[in-house]
Amino acid sequence: MHNRLTEFLEWAGKEYDIVLVDTPPILAVTDAVIVARNVGTTLLVARYGVNSLKEIEVSIRHFEQNGIEIQGIILNAVENKSGNVYYAYEYK
């Protein structure tokens, strides 16, 4: 599978300006490490109120132990708790 993944990512990189690859959580399986070794930029996605700081730190450490540098973190599902609903919206 590793060779097919590499071939696909090389093809996609030539065909498209940006290619996003979503993987299962790094703490659950090794897929994220395998994919991260074959891409240009690795981002960590954490869910607000679900993933603890400890889980995020352990995830980053796991990537680093495999020689992969995290270039950024995306924090999703952040709740808008302000009283001003003018700026609050929901994507459906």
C-alpha atoms as a PDB file:
ATOM      1  CA  MET A   1       0.000   0.000   0.000  1.00  0.00           C
ATOM      2  CA  HIS A   2       2.868   2.353   0.763  1.00  0.00           C
ATOM      3  CA  ASN A   3       4.015   2.491  -2.890  1.00  0.00           C
ATOM      4  CA  ARG A   4       0.470   3.069  -4.154  1.00  0.00           C
ATOM      5  CA  LEU A   5       0.004   5.869  -1.636  1.00  0.00           C
ATOM      6  CA  THR A   6       3.273   7.503  -2.675  1.00  0.00           C
ATOM      7  CA  GLU A   7       2.344   7.221  -6.356  1.00  0.00           C
ATOM      8  CA  PHE A   8      -1.103   8.672  -5.733  1.00  0.00           C
ATOM      9  CA  LEU A   9       0.232  11.614  -3.722  1.00  0.00           C
ATOM     10  CA  GLU A  10       2.846  12.364  -6.394  1.00  0.00           C
ATOM     11  CA  TRP A  11       0.156  12.280  -9.096  1.00  0.00           C
ATOM     12  CA  ALA A  12      -2.244  14.434  -7.066  1.00  0.00           C
ATOM     13  CA  GLY A  13       0.528  16.946  -6.340  1.00  0.00           C
ATOM     14  CA  LYS A  14       1.110  17.393 -10.073  1.00  0.00           C
ATOM     15  CA  GLU A  15      -2.587  17.664 -10.914  1.00  0.00           C
ATOM     16  CA  TYR A  16      -3.748  19.993  -8.125  1.00  0.00           C
ATOM     17  CA  ASP A  17      -2.455  23.085  -6.338  1.00  0.00           C
ATOM     18  CA  ILE A  18      -3.476  21.807  -2.905  1.00  0.00           C
ATOM     19  CA  VAL A  19      -4.091  18.227  -1.784  1.00  0.00           C
ATOM     20  CA  LEU A  20      -5.540  17.605   1.682  1.00  0.00           C
ATOM     21  CA  VAL A  21      -5.327  14.145   3.210  1.00  0.00           C
ATOM     22  CA  ASP A  22      -7.398  13.353   6.302  1.00  0.00           C
ATOM     23  CA  THR A  23      -6.192  10.455   8.439  1.00  0.00           C
ATOM     24  CA  PRO A  24      -7.469   8.626  11.512  1.00  0.00           C
ATOM     25  CA  PRO A  25      -6.238   9.981  14.866  1.00  0.00           C
ATOM     26  CA  ILE A  26      -2.520   9.401  15.406  1.00  0.00           C
ATOM     27  CA  LEU A  27      -3.105   7.967  18.869  1.00  0.00           C
ATOM     28  CA  ALA A  28      -5.401   5.265  17.431  1.00  0.00           C
ATOM     29  CA  VAL A  29      -3.422   3.906  14.456  1.00  0.00           C
ATOM     30  CA  THR A  30      -0.182   4.511  12.522  1.00  0.00           C
ATOM     31  CA  ASP A  31      -1.839   5.755   9.302  1.00  0.00           C
ATOM     32  CA  ALA A  32      -1.130   9.400  10.149  1.00  0.00           C
ATOM     33  CA  VAL A  33       2.611   8.743  10.408  1.00  0.00           C
ATOM     34  CA  ILE A  34       2.674   6.855   7.099  1.00  0.00           C
ATOM     35  CA  VAL A  35       0.825   9.650   5.309  1.00  0.00           C
ATOM     36  CA  ALA A  36       2.863  12.396   7.022  1.00  0.00           C
ATOM     37  CA  ARG A  37       6.080  10.892   5.648  1.00  0.00           C
ATOM     38  CA  ASN A  38       4.731  11.394   2.118  1.00  0.00           C
ATOM     39  CA  VAL A  39       3.331  14.933   2.258  1.00  0.00           C
ATOM     40  CA  GLY A  40       4.797  18.424   2.272  1.00  0.00           C
ATOM     41  CA  THR A  41       3.004  19.870   5.295  1.00  0.00           C
ATOM     42  CA  THR A  42       1.578  18.172   8.363  1.00  0.00           C
ATOM     43  CA  LEU A  43      -1.162  19.813  10.415  1.00  0.00           C
ATOM     44  CA  LEU A  44      -2.684  18.499  13.624  1.00  0.00           C
ATOM     45  CA  VAL A  45      -6.460  18.820  14.023  1.00  0.00           C
ATOM     46  CA  ALA A  46      -7.914  18.962  17.536  1.00  0.00           C
ATOM     47  CA  ARG A  47     -11.552  19.280  18.540  1.00  0.00           C
ATOM     48  CA  TYR A  48     -12.370  21.977  21.069  1.00  0.00           C
ATOM     49  CA  GLY A  49     -13.688  20.538  24.323  1.00  0.00           C
ATOM     50  CA  VAL A  50     -12.910  16.967  23.251  1.00  0.00           C
ATOM     51  CA  ASN A  51      -9.130  16.693  22.897  1.00  0.00           C
ATOM     52  CA  SER A  52      -7.188  17.523  26.045  1.00  0.00           C
ATOM     53  CA  LEU A  53      -3.922  19.440  26.069  1.00  0.00           C
ATOM     54  CA  LYS A  54      -2.220  16.208  27.157  1.00  0.00           C
ATOM     55  CA  GLU A  55      -3.587  14.348  24.092  1.00  0.00           C
ATOM     56  CA  ILE A  56      -2.353  17.131  21.829  1.00  0.00           C
ATOM     57  CA  GLU A  57       1.106  17.083  23.441  1.00  0.00           C
ATOM     58  CA  VAL A  58       1.334  13.279  23.159  1.00  0.00           C
ATOM     59  CA  SER A  59       0.243  13.448  19.505  1.00  0.00           C
ATOM     60  CA  ILE A  60       2.901  16.047  18.689  1.00  0.00           C
ATOM     61  CA  ARG A  61       5.532  13.992  20.514  1.00  0.00           C
ATOM     62  CA  HIS A  62       4.508  10.870  18.562  1.00  0.00           C
ATOM     63  CA  PHE A  63       4.978  12.730  15.268  1.00  0.00           C
ATOM     64  CA  GLU A  64       8.341  14.117  16.424  1.00  0.00           C
ATOM     65  CA  GLN A  65       9.541  10.649  17.485  1.00  0.00           C
ATOM     66  CA  ASN A  66       8.896   9.571  13.898  1.00  0.00           C
ATOM     67  CA  GLY A  67      10.857  12.502  12.459  1.00  0.00           C
ATOM     68  CA  ILE A  68       7.793  14.512  11.439  1.00  0.00           C
ATOM     69  CA  GLU A  69       7.475  18.213  12.234  1.00  0.00           C
ATOM     70  CA  ILE A  70       3.997  19.628  12.813  1.00  0.00           C
ATOM     71  CA  GLN A  71       3.694  22.942  10.952  1.00  0.00           C
ATOM     72  CA  GLY A  72       0.417  23.999  12.563  1.00  0.00           C
ATOM     73  CA  ILE A  73      -2.633  23.058  14.565  1.00  0.00           C
ATOM     74  CA  ILE A  74      -6.280  23.440  13.545  1.00  0.00           C
ATOM     75  CA  LEU A  75      -8.717  23.778  16.433  1.00  0.00           C
ATOM     76  CA  ASN A  76     -12.218  22.955  15.206  1.00  0.00           C
ATOM     77  CA  ALA A  77     -15.729  23.032  16.694  1.00  0.00           C
ATOM     78  CA  VAL A  78     -14.972  26.117  18.793  1.00  0.00           C
ATOM     79  CA  GLU A  79     -18.201  27.406  20.283  1.00  0.00           C
ATOM     80  CA  ASN A  80     -19.073  31.085  20.041  1.00  0.00           C
ATOM     81  CA  LYS A  81     -20.081  32.067  23.553  1.00  0.00           C
ATOM     82  CA  SER A  82     -20.357  35.801  22.951  1.00  0.00           C
ATOM     83  CA  GLY A  83     -23.722  37.458  23.418  1.00  0.00           C
ATOM     84  CA  ASN A  84     -23.523  39.043  19.989  1.00  0.00           C
ATOM     85  CA  VAL A  85     -25.297  36.718  17.563  1.00  0.00           C
ATOM     86  CA  TYR A  86     -24.535  39.117  14.713  1.00  0.00           C
ATOM     87  CA  TYR A  87     -21.201  37.359  14.222  1.00  0.00           C
ATOM     88  CA  ALA A  88     -22.408  33.871  15.066  1.00  0.00           C
ATOM     89  CA  TYR A  89     -23.173  31.603  12.160  1.00  0.00           C
ATOM     90  CA  GLU A  90     -23.346  27.925  11.496  1.00  0.00           C
ATOM     91  CA  TYR A  91     -22.156  26.098   8.416  1.00  0.00           C
ATOM     92  CA  LYS A  92     -24.496  23.334   7.252  1.00  0.00           C
END
